C-alpha atoms as a PDB file:
ATOM      1  CA  UNK A   1      29.631 266.936 166.226  1.00  0.00           C
ATOM      2  CA  UNK A   2      32.736 268.785 164.998  1.00  0.00           C
ATOM      3  CA  UNK A   3      33.790 272.183 166.318  1.00  0.00           C
ATOM      4  CA  UNK A   4      32.913 275.219 164.189  1.00  0.00           C
ATOM      5  CA  UNK A   5      35.669 276.875 162.162  1.00  0.00           C
ATOM      6  CA  UNK A   6      34.898 280.166 163.933  1.00  0.00           C
ATOM      7  CA  UNK A   7      33.175 280.557 167.299  1.00  0.00           C
ATOM      8  CA  UNK A   8      32.530 284.104 168.565  1.00  0.00           C
ATOM      9  CA  UNK A   9      31.243 284.465 172.133  1.00  0.00           C
ATOM     10  CA  UNK A  10      30.099 287.743 173.741  1.00  0.00           C
ATOM     11  CA  UNK A  11      32.316 289.896 171.535  1.00  0.00           C
ATOM     12  CA  UNK A  12      32.393 293.564 172.480  1.00  0.00           C
ATOM     13  CA  UNK A  13      34.384 296.497 171.131  1.00  0.00           C
ATOM     14  CA  UNK A  14      34.760 299.625 173.274  1.00  0.00           C
ATOM     15  CA  UNK A  15      36.510 302.923 172.557  1.00  0.00           C
ATOM     16  CA  UNK A  16      37.534 305.386 175.257  1.00  0.00           C
ATOM     17  CA  UNK A  17      38.032 309.070 174.504  1.00  0.00           C
ATOM     18  CA  UNK A  18      37.996 312.146 176.722  1.00  0.00           C
ATOM     19  CA  UNK A  19      36.971 310.085 179.722  1.00  0.00           C
ATOM     20  CA  UNK A  20      33.942 308.542 178.004  1.00  0.00           C
ATOM     21  CA  UNK A  21      33.534 305.015 176.739  1.00  0.00           C
ATOM     22  CA  UNK A  22      31.532 304.099 173.662  1.00  0.00           C
ATOM     23  CA  UNK A  23      30.595 300.464 173.053  1.00  0.00           C
ATOM     24  CA  UNK A  24      29.419 300.136 169.420  1.00  0.00           C
ATOM     25  CA  UNK A  25      29.655 296.318 169.479  1.00  0.00           C
ATOM     26  CA  UNK A  26      28.116 294.572 172.462  1.00  0.00           C
ATOM     27  CA  UNK A  27      27.667 290.845 173.249  1.00  0.00           C
ATOM     28  CA  UNK A  28      27.885 289.438 169.712  1.00  0.00           C
ATOM     29  CA  UNK A  29      27.909 285.634 169.508  1.00  0.00           C
ATOM     30  CA  UNK A  30      27.946 283.534 166.349  1.00  0.00           C
ATOM     31  CA  UNK A  31      29.417 280.371 164.900  1.00  0.00           C
ATOM     32  CA  UNK A  32      30.567 279.564 161.367  1.00  0.00           C
ATOM     33  CA  UNK A  33      31.039 275.958 160.287  1.00  0.00           C
ATOM     34  CA  UNK A  34      33.345 274.862 157.478  1.00  0.00           C
ATOM     35  CA  UNK A  35      31.619 275.678 154.158  1.00  0.00           C
ATOM     36  CA  UNK A  36      28.823 277.649 155.838  1.00  0.00           C
ATOM     37  CA  UNK A  37      27.763 281.174 154.938  1.00  0.00           C
ATOM     38  CA  UNK A  38      26.666 283.558 157.697  1.00  0.00           C
ATOM     39  CA  UNK A  39      25.295 287.080 157.171  1.00  0.00           C
ATOM     40  CA  UNK A  40      25.248 289.924 159.681  1.00  0.00           C
ATOM     41  CA  UNK A  41      22.286 292.180 158.966  1.00  0.00           C
ATOM     42  CA  UNK A  42      21.629 295.552 160.536  1.00  0.00           C
ATOM     43  CA  UNK A  43      21.191 299.254 159.917  1.00  0.00           C
ATOM     44  CA  UNK A  44      24.080 301.500 158.952  1.00  0.00           C
ATOM     45  CA  UNK A  45      26.334 302.245 161.928  1.00  0.00           C
ATOM     46  CA  UNK A  46      25.202 299.283 164.043  1.00  0.00           C
ATOM     47  CA  UNK A  47      28.703 297.749 164.209  1.00  0.00           C
ATOM     48  CA  UNK A  48      28.772 295.125 161.428  1.00  0.00           C
ATOM     49  CA  UNK A  49      32.110 296.323 160.026  1.00  0.00           C
ATOM     50  CA  UNK A  50      33.647 296.694 163.493  1.00  0.00           C
ATOM     51  CA  UNK A  51      32.574 293.140 164.296  1.00  0.00           C
ATOM     52  CA  UNK A  52      34.252 291.893 161.113  1.00  0.00           C
ATOM     53  CA  UNK A  53      37.445 293.838 161.847  1.00  0.00           C
ATOM     54  CA  UNK A  54      37.526 292.612 165.458  1.00  0.00           C
ATOM     55  CA  UNK A  55      37.785 288.985 164.291  1.00  0.00           C
ATOM     56  CA  UNK A  56      41.498 289.558 163.599  1.00  0.00           C
ATOM     57  CA  UNK A  57      41.993 292.801 165.589  1.00  0.00           C
ATOM     58  CA  UNK A  58      42.353 294.941 162.471  1.00  0.00           C
ATOM     59  CA  UNK A  59      42.410 298.735 162.751  1.00  0.00           C
ATOM     60  CA  UNK A  60      40.523 300.462 164.342  1.00  0.00           C
ATOM     61  CA  UNK A  61      39.789 297.560 166.710  1.00  0.00           C
ATOM     62  CA  UNK A  62      43.508 297.290 167.488  1.00  0.00           C
ATOM     63  CA  UNK A  63      43.060 300.569 169.397  1.00  0.00           C
ATOM     64  CA  UNK A  64      39.903 299.452 171.174  1.00  0.00           C
ATOM     65  CA  UNK A  65      39.215 297.368 174.241  1.00  0.00           C
ATOM     66  CA  UNK A  66      37.830 294.110 172.916  1.00  0.00           C
ATOM     67  CA  UNK A  67      36.097 291.599 175.164  1.00  0.00           C
ATOM     68  CA  UNK A  68      34.768 288.115 174.711  1.00  0.00           C
ATOM     69  CA  UNK A  69      36.405 285.392 172.659  1.00  0.00           C
ATOM     70  CA  UNK A  70      37.037 284.705 168.973  1.00  0.00           C
ATOM     71  CA  UNK A  71      37.979 281.044 168.611  1.00  0.00           C
ATOM     72  CA  UNK A  72      39.404 280.223 165.188  1.00  0.00           C
ATOM     73  CA  UNK A  73      40.448 276.612 164.617  1.00  0.00           C
ATOM     74  CA  UNK A  74      40.501 276.060 168.359  1.00  0.00           C
ATOM     75  CA  UNK A  75      42.663 279.072 169.323  1.00  0.00           C
ATOM     76  CA  UNK A  76      41.404 282.322 170.866  1.00  0.00           C
ATOM     77  CA  UNK A  77      42.500 285.241 168.682  1.00  0.00           C
ATOM     78  CA  UNK A  78      41.786 287.665 171.544  1.00  0.00           C
ATOM     79  CA  UNK A  79      44.580 286.041 173.555  1.00  0.00           C
ATOM     80  CA  UNK A  80      47.151 286.020 170.730  1.00  0.00           C
ATOM     81  CA  UNK A  81      50.111 288.327 170.270  1.00  0.00           C
ATOM     82  CA  UNK A  82      50.529 290.530 167.188  1.00  0.00           C
ATOM     83  CA  UNK A  83      52.738 288.025 165.363  1.00  0.00           C
ATOM     84  CA  UNK A  84      50.292 285.140 165.822  1.00  0.00           C
ATOM     85  CA  UNK A  85      47.392 287.282 164.626  1.00  0.00           C
ATOM     86  CA  UNK A  86      49.434 288.410 161.613  1.00  0.00           C
ATOM     87  CA  UNK A  87      49.912 284.765 160.642  1.00  0.00           C
ATOM     88  CA  UNK A  88      46.138 284.230 160.673  1.00  0.00           C
ATOM     89  CA  UNK A  89      45.325 287.301 158.563  1.00  0.00           C
ATOM     90  CA  UNK A  90      45.160 286.393 154.896  1.00  0.00           C
ATOM     91  CA  UNK A  91      45.954 282.695 155.158  1.00  0.00           C
ATOM     92  CA  UNK A  92      43.440 281.848 157.864  1.00  0.00           C
ATOM     93  CA  UNK A  93      40.938 284.688 157.579  1.00  0.00           C
ATOM     94  CA  UNK A  94      40.872 286.913 154.484  1.00  0.00           C
ATOM     95  CA  UNK A  95      38.836 290.058 153.876  1.00  0.00           C
ATOM     96  CA  UNK A  96      37.042 291.723 150.991  1.00  0.00           C
ATOM     97  CA  UNK A  97      36.235 295.304 151.959  1.00  0.00           C
ATOM     98  CA  UNK A  98      33.483 297.671 150.813  1.00  0.00           C
ATOM     99  CA  UNK A  99      35.398 300.011 148.499  1.00  0.00           C
ATOM    100  CA  UNK A 100      37.775 298.222 146.118  1.00  0.00           C
ATOM    101  CA  UNK A 101      39.006 301.475 144.583  1.00  0.00           C
ATOM    102  CA  UNK A 102      40.351 302.538 147.991  1.00  0.00           C
ATOM    103  CA  UNK A 103      42.032 299.154 148.533  1.00  0.00           C
ATOM    104  CA  UNK A 104      43.730 298.722 145.164  1.00  0.00           C
ATOM    105  CA  UNK A 105      46.982 300.497 144.259  1.00  0.00           C
ATOM    106  CA  UNK A 106      46.177 302.707 141.234  1.00  0.00           C
ATOM    107  CA  UNK A 107      49.712 302.539 139.778  1.00  0.00           C
ATOM    108  CA  UNK A 108      50.152 298.755 139.892  1.00  0.00           C
ATOM    109  CA  UNK A 109      48.784 296.276 137.391  1.00  0.00           C
ATOM    110  CA  UNK A 110      46.181 293.850 138.693  1.00  0.00           C
ATOM    111  CA  UNK A 111      48.526 290.874 138.254  1.00  0.00           C
ATOM    112  CA  UNK A 112      51.253 292.479 140.384  1.00  0.00           C
ATOM    113  CA  UNK A 113      48.815 293.218 143.189  1.00  0.00           C
ATOM    114  CA  UNK A 114      47.574 289.634 143.251  1.00  0.00           C
ATOM    115  CA  UNK A 115      51.175 288.348 143.204  1.00  0.00           C
ATOM    116  CA  UNK A 116      51.829 290.245 146.433  1.00  0.00           C
ATOM    117  CA  UNK A 117      49.306 287.919 148.089  1.00  0.00           C
ATOM    118  CA  UNK A 118      51.030 284.775 146.801  1.00  0.00           C
ATOM    119  CA  UNK A 119      53.833 283.373 148.925  1.00  0.00           C
ATOM    120  CA  UNK A 120      56.390 280.587 148.651  1.00  0.00           C
ATOM    121  CA  UNK A 121      56.233 280.281 144.847  1.00  0.00           C
ATOM    122  CA  UNK A 122      58.512 280.960 141.941  1.00  0.00           C
ATOM    123  CA  UNK A 123      57.664 283.499 139.243  1.00  0.00           C
ATOM    124  CA  UNK A 124      56.168 281.019 136.773  1.00  0.00           C
ATOM    125  CA  UNK A 125      53.924 279.473 139.399  1.00  0.00           C
ATOM    126  CA  UNK A 126      52.801 282.939 140.516  1.00  0.00           C
ATOM    127  CA  UNK A 127      51.967 283.907 136.924  1.00  0.00           C
ATOM    128  CA  UNK A 128      49.909 280.730 136.517  1.00  0.00           C
ATOM    129  CA  UNK A 129      48.182 281.271 139.878  1.00  0.00           C
ATOM    130  CA  UNK A 130      47.221 284.841 138.924  1.00  0.00           C
ATOM    131  CA  UNK A 131      45.626 283.663 135.674  1.00  0.00           C
ATOM    132  CA  UNK A 132      43.785 280.875 137.521  1.00  0.00           C
ATOM    133  CA  UNK A 133      42.465 283.274 140.198  1.00  0.00           C
ATOM    134  CA  UNK A 134      41.318 285.837 137.631  1.00  0.00           C
ATOM    135  CA  UNK A 135      39.563 283.137 135.602  1.00  0.00           C
ATOM    136  CA  UNK A 136      37.950 281.812 138.789  1.00  0.00           C
ATOM    137  CA  UNK A 137      36.566 285.278 139.571  1.00  0.00           C
ATOM    138  CA  UNK A 138      35.377 285.935 136.008  1.00  0.00           C
ATOM    139  CA  UNK A 139      38.181 288.248 134.806  1.00  0.00           C
ATOM    140  CA  UNK A 140      40.391 286.058 132.589  1.00  0.00           C
ATOM    141  CA  UNK A 141      41.740 289.022 130.563  1.00  0.00           C
ATOM    142  CA  UNK A 142      42.412 291.543 133.351  1.00  0.00           C
ATOM    143  CA  UNK A 143      45.962 290.605 134.382  1.00  0.00           C
ATOM    144  CA  UNK A 144      47.649 293.505 132.570  1.00  0.00           C
ATOM    145  CA  UNK A 145      44.980 296.073 133.481  1.00  0.00           C
ATOM    146  CA  UNK A 146      45.307 298.905 135.963  1.00  0.00           C
ATOM    147  CA  UNK A 147      42.452 299.406 138.464  1.00  0.00           C
ATOM    148  CA  UNK A 148      41.271 302.595 136.726  1.00  0.00           C
ATOM    149  CA  UNK A 149      40.623 300.538 133.577  1.00  0.00           C
ATOM    150  CA  UNK A 150      38.121 298.338 135.410  1.00  0.00           C
ATOM    151  CA  UNK A 151      34.557 298.943 136.531  1.00  0.00           C
ATOM    152  CA  UNK A 152      33.617 298.855 140.211  1.00  0.00           C
ATOM    153  CA  UNK A 153      32.345 295.300 139.876  1.00  0.00           C
ATOM    154  CA  UNK A 154      35.530 294.195 138.125  1.00  0.00           C
ATOM    155  CA  UNK A 155      37.629 295.848 140.843  1.00  0.00           C
ATOM    156  CA  UNK A 156      35.646 293.943 143.459  1.00  0.00           C
ATOM    157  CA  UNK A 157      36.386 290.712 141.559  1.00  0.00           C
ATOM    158  CA  UNK A 158      40.094 291.583 141.722  1.00  0.00           C
ATOM    159  CA  UNK A 159      39.728 292.026 145.485  1.00  0.00           C
ATOM    160  CA  UNK A 160      38.126 288.583 145.652  1.00  0.00           C
ATOM    161  CA  UNK A 161      41.024 287.117 143.652  1.00  0.00           C
ATOM    162  CA  UNK A 162      43.496 288.733 146.067  1.00  0.00           C
ATOM    163  CA  UNK A 163      41.602 287.410 149.092  1.00  0.00           C
ATOM    164  CA  UNK A 164      41.495 283.903 147.613  1.00  0.00           C
ATOM    165  CA  UNK A 165      45.197 283.939 146.679  1.00  0.00           C
ATOM    166  CA  UNK A 166      46.319 282.710 150.102  1.00  0.00           C
ATOM    167  CA  UNK A 167      43.614 279.994 150.128  1.00  0.00           C
ATOM    168  CA  UNK A 168      41.993 281.236 153.355  1.00  0.00           C
ATOM    169  CA  UNK A 169      39.828 278.989 155.468  1.00  0.00           C
ATOM    170  CA  UNK A 170      37.377 281.843 156.139  1.00  0.00           C
ATOM    171  CA  UNK A 171      36.478 284.735 153.827  1.00  0.00           C
ATOM    172  CA  UNK A 172      34.936 287.833 155.437  1.00  0.00           C
ATOM    173  CA  UNK A 173      33.145 290.037 152.909  1.00  0.00           C
ATOM    174  CA  UNK A 174      32.257 293.413 154.431  1.00  0.00           C
ATOM    175  CA  UNK A 175      29.429 294.783 152.262  1.00  0.00           C
ATOM    176  CA  UNK A 176      31.216 293.795 149.027  1.00  0.00           C
ATOM    177  CA  UNK A 177      28.384 295.112 146.841  1.00  0.00           C
ATOM    178  CA  UNK A 178      28.239 298.660 148.236  1.00  0.00           C
ATOM    179  CA  UNK A 179      28.252 301.320 145.475  1.00  0.00           C
ATOM    180  CA  UNK A 180      27.709 298.717 142.726  1.00  0.00           C
ATOM    181  CA  UNK A 181      24.713 298.760 140.409  1.00  0.00           C
ATOM    182  CA  UNK A 182      22.017 296.152 140.988  1.00  0.00           C
ATOM    183  CA  UNK A 183      23.116 293.865 138.133  1.00  0.00           C
ATOM    184  CA  UNK A 184      26.742 293.892 139.273  1.00  0.00           C
ATOM    185  CA  UNK A 185      25.657 293.297 142.877  1.00  0.00           C
ATOM    186  CA  UNK A 186      23.877 290.127 141.758  1.00  0.00           C
ATOM    187  CA  UNK A 187      26.963 288.988 139.802  1.00  0.00           C
ATOM    188  CA  UNK A 188      29.273 289.505 142.808  1.00  0.00           C
ATOM    189  CA  UNK A 189      26.864 287.712 145.156  1.00  0.00           C
ATOM    190  CA  UNK A 190      26.502 284.830 142.696  1.00  0.00           C
ATOM    191  CA  UNK A 191      30.291 284.634 142.454  1.00  0.00           C
ATOM    192  CA  UNK A 192      30.636 284.492 146.252  1.00  0.00           C
ATOM    193  CA  UNK A 193      27.999 281.771 146.374  1.00  0.00           C
ATOM    194  CA  UNK A 194      29.763 279.685 143.733  1.00  0.00           C
ATOM    195  CA  UNK A 195      33.143 280.105 145.458  1.00  0.00           C
ATOM    196  CA  UNK A 196      31.694 279.026 148.807  1.00  0.00           C
ATOM    197  CA  UNK A 197      30.146 275.949 147.216  1.00  0.00           C
ATOM    198  CA  UNK A 198      33.383 274.934 145.445  1.00  0.00           C
END
């Protein structure tokens, strides 16, 4: 039996302020195999987003005391230095966050924002990659658009294109359908399903 892509054991996240410690994430364990989809389900405020952020020590978990282990491709992220973790973010583990309008730069065209996620390519290859990613996420004509010209669902598709640009091994989607209408939620979930199956 092969090792899982991601193995989380007894993950905890604790914050200390004014002499008191708060532990919003306590003893979380899970495994994700290559090609598998795993959902964390719980009420608002139960620590789902903090758990997702803790996988690569993203803010605010970089200011917290994190315990347990997060083994990604055989290496424990909790024991890595900042540079090693930075190398994993994006290329190893990519994120799609809840509010695309807060994540996208309002004064940059969609194509330019996706290009920032593409590395080690010339301009022509980047242009072709942007068109391929937008087509893959159902927005073949959005390259020249600004975020304000897109609906919430279209903005979330741009975020997916940006996350996929580095060809990550694991995609973490933190409530990617929040604030979207029911029809658009279904479209985004169907898109995630088709991308995972590809």
